[in-house]
Structure formats: C-alpha cells, structure tokens
Amino acid sequence: MITGAHFLLYSKDPDADRAFLSDVLEFRSINLGHNWLIFALPPAELAVHPATESFVQKHADRSMLGAVLYLMCNDLKATIKGLAKKGVQCSATVKADWGMSTSIRLPSGGEIGLYQPTHETALGFGLRPKSKAQKRPAAKKH
C-alpha cells in the first residue's frame, strides 16, 4: 500500500533552499545528518498534465517523469503579503480558469509555484479507498 509521497527538488544551493523551506516557509523537518533535511509537507494532490517536450530525470537507466511543485493556499494575496514581510518576492500573479498563481524564487535562484485553486481539490481524500461515487471517468481516445 502507498503510504506517502516523496518529492525531490534539485537545487544549485541546497543549503540555502533548505534554510528557506525551514525558516521562511516554516516546514518542519528531520535531519538525517550533515544537514540532509527531509521536510514534512502540507497535504498534497497530484495532477497529470500533457508534456510537449522531454522533461525527465534518469534513475537506473530509466526515464522518470519530471514534476513541478506548486504549493497551495486559500488566499493568494494574503500569502504573498505574508511572504513579503519575510523578504520574499513573488512573481506577478496570473489568473486562470483553475485559480490564481505566482512563483516564489528560492535562494538558489530556482522557482516553485504557489497558487490559490478555484477548482475542487482532492486534499480531503487522503488514502481512503475510492467510493463508488468517486469512479474515474473513462479515458479519452486520441
């Protein structure tokens, strides 16, 4: 049984980005030694989007899917304001059918997304078995 998910962020300055996640975003962590921190994350969900170009990481000579991290919030404007008080600059906000978003520049120069969804989320589902009412729609044929 799947018990969780582990995300990997590749950074050009991992110590600075770890400090940002700990000190600015206030994510709790465990230290496995030598400042190798594993962070607890808020509840998560996963969406699969089409890709137009190669976006992969190799593992054991196999191509792993690439991923982009978006943190979620209930009030994007208030979250941006709170981050600004901590010296964090966000990109311009973008409004779309699915919500409003911005990005946060990490100390390494990398970016992670932040968005306020306007769509229904799967955050409350956790690892409970699907009920008959939550059946997956049939896949579209291309």
N, C-alpha and C. Protein backbone atom coordinates (compact mmCIF):
# COMPACT_ATOMS: atom_id res chain seq x y z
N MET A 1 0.84 -1.18 0.00
CA MET A 1 0.00 0.00 0.00
C MET A 1 0.88 1.25 0.00
N ILE A 2 0.49 2.25 -0.75
CA ILE A 2 1.21 3.52 -0.78
C ILE A 2 0.94 4.24 0.54
N THR A 3 2.00 4.72 1.18
CA THR A 3 1.83 5.41 2.47
C THR A 3 2.17 6.89 2.41
N GLY A 4 2.71 7.35 1.30
CA GLY A 4 3.08 8.75 1.20
C GLY A 4 3.74 9.03 -0.12
N ALA A 5 4.21 10.25 -0.28
CA ALA A 5 4.92 10.66 -1.49
C ALA A 5 6.17 11.42 -1.06
N HIS A 6 7.22 11.30 -1.84
CA HIS A 6 8.49 11.96 -1.55
C HIS A 6 8.88 12.75 -2.80
N PHE A 7 8.93 14.07 -2.69
CA PHE A 7 9.29 14.93 -3.81
C PHE A 7 10.77 15.28 -3.73
N LEU A 8 11.41 15.39 -4.87
CA LEU A 8 12.82 15.78 -4.94
C LEU A 8 12.91 17.15 -5.62
N LEU A 9 13.57 18.09 -4.98
CA LEU A 9 13.87 19.38 -5.60
C LEU A 9 15.37 19.40 -5.86
N TYR A 10 15.75 19.65 -7.08
CA TYR A 10 17.17 19.74 -7.42
C TYR A 10 17.58 21.20 -7.37
N SER A 11 18.60 21.50 -6.58
CA SER A 11 18.98 22.88 -6.30
C SER A 11 20.46 23.11 -6.55
N LYS A 12 20.79 24.30 -6.99
CA LYS A 12 22.20 24.69 -7.15
C LYS A 12 22.79 25.16 -5.83
N ASP A 13 21.92 25.41 -4.83
CA ASP A 13 22.36 25.81 -3.49
C ASP A 13 21.43 25.16 -2.46
N PRO A 14 21.57 23.84 -2.26
CA PRO A 14 20.65 23.12 -1.40
C PRO A 14 20.60 23.63 0.05
N ASP A 15 21.73 24.03 0.62
CA ASP A 15 21.71 24.52 2.00
C ASP A 15 20.86 25.78 2.13
N ALA A 16 20.98 26.71 1.18
CA ALA A 16 20.19 27.94 1.23
C ALA A 16 18.71 27.63 1.03
N ASP A 17 18.39 26.73 0.11
CA ASP A 17 16.99 26.38 -0.12
C ASP A 17 16.40 25.62 1.07
N ARG A 18 17.20 24.77 1.71
CA ARG A 18 16.72 24.08 2.92
C ARG A 18 16.42 25.09 4.03
N ALA A 19 17.29 26.08 4.18
CA ALA A 19 17.06 27.12 5.19
C ALA A 19 15.79 27.91 4.87
N PHE A 20 15.55 28.20 3.60
CA PHE A 20 14.34 28.90 3.18
C PHE A 20 13.09 28.09 3.53
N LEU A 21 13.10 26.81 3.20
CA LEU A 21 11.94 25.96 3.50
C LEU A 21 11.70 25.88 5.00
N SER A 22 12.77 25.83 5.77
CA SER A 22 12.66 25.74 7.22
C SER A 22 12.31 27.07 7.87
N ASP A 23 13.06 28.12 7.54
CA ASP A 23 12.94 29.40 8.24
C ASP A 23 11.83 30.29 7.70
N VAL A 24 11.65 30.32 6.39
CA VAL A 24 10.66 31.22 5.79
C VAL A 24 9.31 30.54 5.66
N LEU A 25 9.28 29.35 5.04
CA LEU A 25 8.01 28.65 4.88
C LEU A 25 7.61 27.88 6.13
N GLU A 26 8.54 27.73 7.07
CA GLU A 26 8.31 27.09 8.37
C GLU A 26 7.87 25.64 8.25
N PHE A 27 8.45 24.92 7.27
CA PHE A 27 8.19 23.50 7.13
C PHE A 27 9.02 22.76 8.17
N ARG A 28 8.40 21.85 8.90
CA ARG A 28 9.11 21.03 9.88
C ARG A 28 9.93 19.98 9.13
N SER A 29 11.01 19.52 9.76
CA SER A 29 11.88 18.55 9.08
C SER A 29 12.55 17.63 10.08
N ILE A 30 13.11 16.57 9.55
CA ILE A 30 14.01 15.72 10.31
C ILE A 30 15.38 15.87 9.66
N ASN A 31 16.43 15.78 10.46
CA ASN A 31 17.80 15.92 9.96
C ASN A 31 18.43 14.54 9.97
N LEU A 32 18.76 14.04 8.78
CA LEU A 32 19.37 12.71 8.68
C LEU A 32 20.89 12.76 8.87
N GLY A 33 21.40 13.94 9.17
CA GLY A 33 22.84 14.12 9.34
C GLY A 33 23.41 14.95 8.21
N HIS A 34 24.47 15.72 8.53
CA HIS A 34 25.15 16.56 7.54
C HIS A 34 24.17 17.53 6.87
N ASN A 35 23.20 18.05 7.62
CA ASN A 35 22.17 18.99 7.15
C ASN A 35 21.33 18.43 6.00
N TRP A 36 21.19 17.10 5.95
CA TRP A 36 20.31 16.47 4.96
C TRP A 36 18.92 16.42 5.58
N LEU A 37 18.10 17.43 5.23
CA LEU A 37 16.78 17.57 5.83
C LEU A 37 15.70 16.96 4.95
N ILE A 38 14.77 16.28 5.59
CA ILE A 38 13.58 15.77 4.91
C ILE A 38 12.41 16.54 5.52
N PHE A 39 11.67 17.26 4.68
CA PHE A 39 10.61 18.16 5.15
C PHE A 39 9.24 17.50 5.11
N ALA A 40 8.48 17.75 6.16
CA ALA A 40 7.07 17.40 6.15
C ALA A 40 6.36 18.42 5.27
N LEU A 41 5.44 17.96 4.46
CA LEU A 41 4.71 18.85 3.57
C LEU A 41 3.25 18.93 3.99
N PRO A 42 2.59 19.99 3.58
CA PRO A 42 1.15 20.03 3.80
C PRO A 42 0.48 18.92 2.98
N PRO A 43 -0.81 18.66 3.23
CA PRO A 43 -1.49 17.66 2.39
C PRO A 43 -1.26 17.98 0.91
N ALA A 44 -1.23 16.95 0.10
CA ALA A 44 -0.88 17.13 -1.31
C ALA A 44 -1.89 16.46 -2.22
N GLU A 45 -1.84 16.85 -3.48
CA GLU A 45 -2.60 16.18 -4.52
C GLU A 45 -1.72 16.13 -5.76
N LEU A 46 -2.10 15.33 -6.73
CA LEU A 46 -1.29 15.12 -7.92
C LEU A 46 -2.17 15.24 -9.15
N ALA A 47 -1.72 15.98 -10.14
CA ALA A 47 -2.40 16.08 -11.43
C ALA A 47 -1.42 15.70 -12.52
N VAL A 48 -1.89 15.07 -13.56
CA VAL A 48 -1.05 14.67 -14.68
C VAL A 48 -1.39 15.57 -15.86
N HIS A 49 -0.39 16.31 -16.34
CA HIS A 49 -0.56 17.25 -17.44
C HIS A 49 0.19 16.74 -18.67
N PRO A 50 -0.28 17.07 -19.86
CA PRO A 50 0.45 16.66 -21.06
C PRO A 50 1.78 17.42 -21.17
N ALA A 51 2.77 16.78 -21.75
CA ALA A 51 4.08 17.41 -21.95
C ALA A 51 4.35 17.54 -23.44
N THR A 52 4.96 18.64 -23.82
CA THR A 52 5.27 18.85 -25.23
C THR A 52 6.74 18.60 -25.54
N GLU A 53 7.56 18.45 -24.51
CA GLU A 53 8.97 18.17 -24.75
C GLU A 53 9.50 17.28 -23.63
N SER A 54 10.69 16.79 -23.78
CA SER A 54 11.28 15.90 -22.78
C SER A 54 11.51 16.65 -21.48
N PHE A 55 11.03 16.08 -20.40
CA PHE A 55 11.15 16.69 -19.08
C PHE A 55 11.32 15.55 -18.10
N VAL A 56 12.51 14.97 -18.07
CA VAL A 56 12.71 13.73 -17.33
C VAL A 56 13.98 13.77 -16.48
N GLN A 57 14.02 12.89 -15.51
CA GLN A 57 15.19 12.65 -14.68
C GLN A 57 15.51 11.16 -14.82
N LYS A 58 16.75 10.82 -14.95
CA LYS A 58 17.14 9.41 -15.10
C LYS A 58 17.28 8.75 -13.73
N HIS A 59 16.86 7.49 -13.67
CA HIS A 59 17.06 6.65 -12.49
C HIS A 59 17.22 5.22 -12.98
N ALA A 60 18.33 4.61 -12.66
CA ALA A 60 18.61 3.23 -13.08
C ALA A 60 18.37 3.03 -14.57
N ASP A 61 18.89 3.97 -15.35
CA ASP A 61 18.77 3.94 -16.81
C ASP A 61 17.34 4.01 -17.32
N ARG A 62 16.43 4.49 -16.49
CA ARG A 62 15.05 4.68 -16.91
C ARG A 62 14.68 6.15 -16.79
N SER A 63 13.78 6.59 -17.64
CA SER A 63 13.35 7.99 -17.62
C SER A 63 12.20 8.16 -16.64
N MET A 64 12.44 8.94 -15.60
CA MET A 64 11.40 9.25 -14.61
C MET A 64 10.66 10.50 -15.10
N LEU A 65 9.39 10.60 -14.81
CA LEU A 65 8.63 11.78 -15.17
C LEU A 65 9.17 13.01 -14.46
N GLY A 66 9.16 14.14 -15.12
CA GLY A 66 9.51 15.40 -14.48
C GLY A 66 8.33 15.93 -13.69
N ALA A 67 8.56 16.83 -12.79
CA ALA A 67 7.49 17.38 -11.96
C ALA A 67 7.75 18.86 -11.67
N VAL A 68 6.69 19.58 -11.41
CA VAL A 68 6.76 20.97 -11.00
C VAL A 68 5.98 21.08 -9.70
N LEU A 69 6.56 21.74 -8.71
CA LEU A 69 5.92 21.87 -7.40
C LEU A 69 5.15 23.18 -7.31
N TYR A 70 3.89 23.08 -6.98
CA TYR A 70 3.06 24.23 -6.64
C TYR A 70 2.55 24.03 -5.23
N LEU A 71 2.86 24.96 -4.33
CA LEU A 71 2.26 24.97 -3.02
C LEU A 71 0.88 25.59 -3.16
N MET A 72 -0.05 25.19 -2.32
CA MET A 72 -1.42 25.69 -2.42
C MET A 72 -1.76 26.55 -1.21
N CYS A 73 -2.64 27.52 -1.41
CA CYS A 73 -3.09 28.37 -0.32
C CYS A 73 -4.55 28.74 -0.53
N ASN A 74 -5.20 29.23 0.52
CA ASN A 74 -6.60 29.64 0.43
C ASN A 74 -6.76 31.10 0.02
N ASP A 75 -5.73 31.91 0.27
CA ASP A 75 -5.81 33.35 -0.03
C ASP A 75 -4.45 33.79 -0.57
N LEU A 76 -4.32 33.82 -1.89
CA LEU A 76 -3.03 34.11 -2.52
C LEU A 76 -2.51 35.49 -2.14
N LYS A 77 -3.38 36.50 -2.18
CA LYS A 77 -2.93 37.86 -1.86
C LYS A 77 -2.39 37.95 -0.45
N ALA A 78 -3.08 37.35 0.52
CA ALA A 78 -2.61 37.37 1.91
C ALA A 78 -1.31 36.58 2.08
N THR A 79 -1.19 35.47 1.36
CA THR A 79 0.03 34.67 1.45
C THR A 79 1.21 35.43 0.87
N ILE A 80 1.01 36.10 -0.26
CA ILE A 80 2.07 36.91 -0.87
C ILE A 80 2.48 38.02 0.09
N LYS A 81 1.51 38.65 0.73
CA LYS A 81 1.79 39.73 1.69
C LYS A 81 2.59 39.20 2.87
N GLY A 82 2.23 38.01 3.39
CA GLY A 82 2.97 37.40 4.49
C GLY A 82 4.40 37.05 4.10
N LEU A 83 4.57 36.54 2.88
CA LEU A 83 5.92 36.22 2.41
C LEU A 83 6.74 37.49 2.22
N ALA A 84 6.12 38.56 1.75
CA ALA A 84 6.83 39.83 1.56
C ALA A 84 7.37 40.35 2.89
N LYS A 85 6.63 40.15 3.97
CA LYS A 85 7.09 40.57 5.30
C LYS A 85 8.35 39.82 5.71
N LYS A 86 8.58 38.65 5.10
CA LYS A 86 9.76 37.84 5.38
C LYS A 86 10.85 38.08 4.33
N GLY A 87 10.64 39.08 3.47
CA GLY A 87 11.63 39.42 2.46
C GLY A 87 11.57 38.60 1.19
N VAL A 88 10.48 37.89 0.99
CA VAL A 88 10.34 37.03 -0.19
C VAL A 88 9.57 37.77 -1.27
N GLN A 89 10.16 37.80 -2.47
CA GLN A 89 9.48 38.43 -3.60
C GLN A 89 8.86 37.33 -4.46
N CYS A 90 7.62 37.58 -4.84
CA CYS A 90 6.91 36.65 -5.73
C CYS A 90 6.80 37.27 -7.11
N SER A 91 6.62 36.43 -8.11
CA SER A 91 6.41 36.93 -9.47
C SER A 91 5.02 37.57 -9.55
N ALA A 92 4.74 38.16 -10.69
CA ALA A 92 3.40 38.71 -10.92
C ALA A 92 2.37 37.58 -10.83
N THR A 93 1.18 37.90 -10.36
CA THR A 93 0.14 36.88 -10.29
C THR A 93 -0.50 36.70 -11.66
N VAL A 94 -0.94 35.49 -11.89
CA VAL A 94 -1.61 35.12 -13.13
C VAL A 94 -2.96 34.52 -12.76
N LYS A 95 -4.00 35.00 -13.43
CA LYS A 95 -5.34 34.47 -13.18
C LYS A 95 -5.71 33.54 -14.33
N ALA A 96 -6.26 32.37 -13.99
CA ALA A 96 -6.67 31.39 -14.99
C ALA A 96 -7.99 30.77 -14.54
N ASP A 97 -8.57 29.95 -15.38
CA ASP A 97 -9.83 29.29 -15.02
C ASP A 97 -9.68 28.43 -13.76
N TRP A 98 -8.51 27.88 -13.53
CA TRP A 98 -8.28 26.97 -12.42
C TRP A 98 -7.83 27.67 -11.13
N GLY A 99 -7.54 28.97 -11.19
CA GLY A 99 -7.14 29.70 -9.99
C GLY A 99 -6.19 30.84 -10.29
N MET A 100 -5.58 31.35 -9.23
CA MET A 100 -4.58 32.43 -9.35
C MET A 100 -3.25 31.86 -8.89
N SER A 101 -2.16 32.27 -9.57
CA SER A 101 -0.86 31.71 -9.22
C SER A 101 0.23 32.76 -9.28
N THR A 102 1.34 32.40 -8.67
CA THR A 102 2.56 33.18 -8.69
C THR A 102 3.71 32.18 -8.56
N SER A 103 4.93 32.67 -8.53
CA SER A 103 6.05 31.79 -8.21
C SER A 103 6.92 32.47 -7.16
N ILE A 104 7.62 31.64 -6.43
CA ILE A 104 8.50 32.08 -5.35
C ILE A 104 9.92 31.74 -5.75
N ARG A 105 10.80 32.73 -5.74
CA ARG A 105 12.22 32.48 -6.06
C ARG A 105 12.91 31.99 -4.79
N LEU A 106 13.55 30.83 -4.91
CA LEU A 106 14.33 30.28 -3.80
C LEU A 106 15.72 30.94 -3.79
N PRO A 107 16.43 30.84 -2.68
CA PRO A 107 17.76 31.44 -2.62
C PRO A 107 18.71 30.93 -3.72
N SER A 108 18.50 29.70 -4.18
CA SER A 108 19.35 29.13 -5.23
C SER A 108 19.07 29.75 -6.60
N GLY A 109 17.97 30.49 -6.71
CA GLY A 109 17.56 31.05 -8.00
C GLY A 109 16.47 30.24 -8.65
N GLY A 110 16.22 29.03 -8.17
CA GLY A 110 15.14 28.20 -8.69
C GLY A 110 13.79 28.76 -8.25
N GLU A 111 12.74 28.32 -8.89
CA GLU A 111 11.40 28.81 -8.59
C GLU A 111 10.47 27.65 -8.25
N ILE A 112 9.56 27.88 -7.32
CA ILE A 112 8.47 26.95 -7.07
C ILE A 112 7.18 27.75 -7.20
N GLY A 113 6.11 27.06 -7.54
CA GLY A 113 4.83 27.72 -7.74
C GLY A 113 4.04 27.85 -6.45
N LEU A 114 3.13 28.79 -6.45
CA LEU A 114 2.19 28.99 -5.35
C LEU A 114 0.86 29.36 -5.98
N TYR A 115 -0.21 28.65 -5.60
CA TYR A 115 -1.48 29.01 -6.20
C TYR A 115 -2.66 28.83 -5.27
N GLN A 116 -3.70 29.60 -5.58
CA GLN A 116 -4.99 29.52 -4.90
C GLN A 116 -5.95 28.88 -5.89
N PRO A 117 -6.33 27.63 -5.66
CA PRO A 117 -7.21 26.97 -6.62
C PRO A 117 -8.64 27.50 -6.53
N THR A 118 -9.28 27.57 -7.68
CA THR A 118 -10.71 27.87 -7.70
C THR A 118 -11.49 26.60 -8.05
N HIS A 119 -10.77 25.53 -8.36
CA HIS A 119 -11.40 24.24 -8.67
C HIS A 119 -11.51 23.41 -7.39
N GLU A 120 -12.32 22.39 -7.43
CA GLU A 120 -12.41 21.45 -6.32
C GLU A 120 -11.05 20.76 -6.18
N THR A 121 -10.62 20.50 -4.95
CA THR A 121 -9.34 19.82 -4.74
C THR A 121 -9.57 18.43 -4.18
N ALA A 122 -8.54 17.62 -4.21
CA ALA A 122 -8.58 16.26 -3.68
C ALA A 122 -7.92 16.17 -2.31
N LEU A 123 -7.65 17.29 -1.67
CA LEU A 123 -6.89 17.29 -0.42
C LEU A 123 -7.56 16.48 0.68
N GLY A 124 -8.86 16.43 0.73
CA GLY A 124 -9.54 15.71 1.80
C GLY A 124 -9.61 14.21 1.60
N PHE A 125 -9.20 13.72 0.42
CA PHE A 125 -9.33 12.30 0.15
C PHE A 125 -8.30 11.45 0.89
N GLY A 126 -7.09 11.96 1.07
CA GLY A 126 -6.04 11.19 1.72
C GLY A 126 -5.88 9.83 1.06
N LEU A 127 -5.70 8.79 1.86
CA LEU A 127 -5.51 7.45 1.32
C LEU A 127 -6.74 6.57 1.50
N ARG A 128 -7.89 7.18 1.73
CA ARG A 128 -9.11 6.39 1.86
C ARG A 128 -9.43 5.71 0.53
N PRO A 129 -9.99 4.51 0.58
CA PRO A 129 -10.38 3.86 -0.68
C PRO A 129 -11.44 4.68 -1.39
N LYS A 130 -11.42 4.64 -2.73
CA LYS A 130 -12.43 5.36 -3.51
C LYS A 130 -13.80 4.75 -3.26
N SER A 131 -14.80 5.60 -3.12
CA SER A 131 -16.17 5.12 -3.04
C SER A 131 -16.69 4.94 -4.46
N LYS A 132 -17.80 4.28 -4.60
CA LYS A 132 -18.38 4.09 -5.93
C LYS A 132 -18.72 5.42 -6.58
N ALA A 133 -19.01 6.44 -5.77
CA ALA A 133 -19.35 7.76 -6.32
C ALA A 133 -18.12 8.48 -6.88
N GLN A 134 -16.92 8.03 -6.56
CA GLN A 134 -15.69 8.69 -7.00
C GLN A 134 -15.03 7.94 -8.15
N LYS A 135 -15.79 7.21 -8.93
CA LYS A 135 -15.20 6.45 -10.04
C LYS A 135 -14.52 7.38 -11.02
N ARG A 136 -13.43 6.91 -11.56
CA ARG A 136 -12.66 7.67 -12.55
C ARG A 136 -13.41 7.65 -13.88
N PRO A 137 -13.51 8.82 -14.54
CA PRO A 137 -14.16 8.83 -15.85
C PRO A 137 -13.35 8.03 -16.87
N ALA A 138 -14.01 7.53 -17.88
CA ALA A 138 -13.33 6.76 -18.93
C ALA A 138 -12.30 7.64 -19.63
N ALA A 139 -11.16 7.06 -19.97
CA ALA A 139 -10.11 7.79 -20.66
C ALA A 139 -10.56 8.14 -22.07
N LYS A 140 -10.17 9.32 -22.53
CA LYS A 140 -10.48 9.76 -23.89
C LYS A 140 -9.53 9.07 -24.85
N LYS A 141 -10.06 8.65 -25.99
CA LYS A 141 -9.22 8.06 -27.02
C LYS A 141 -8.73 9.14 -27.95
N HIS A 142 -7.45 9.09 -28.31
CA HIS A 142 -6.85 10.11 -29.21
C HIS A 142 -6.68 9.55 -30.59
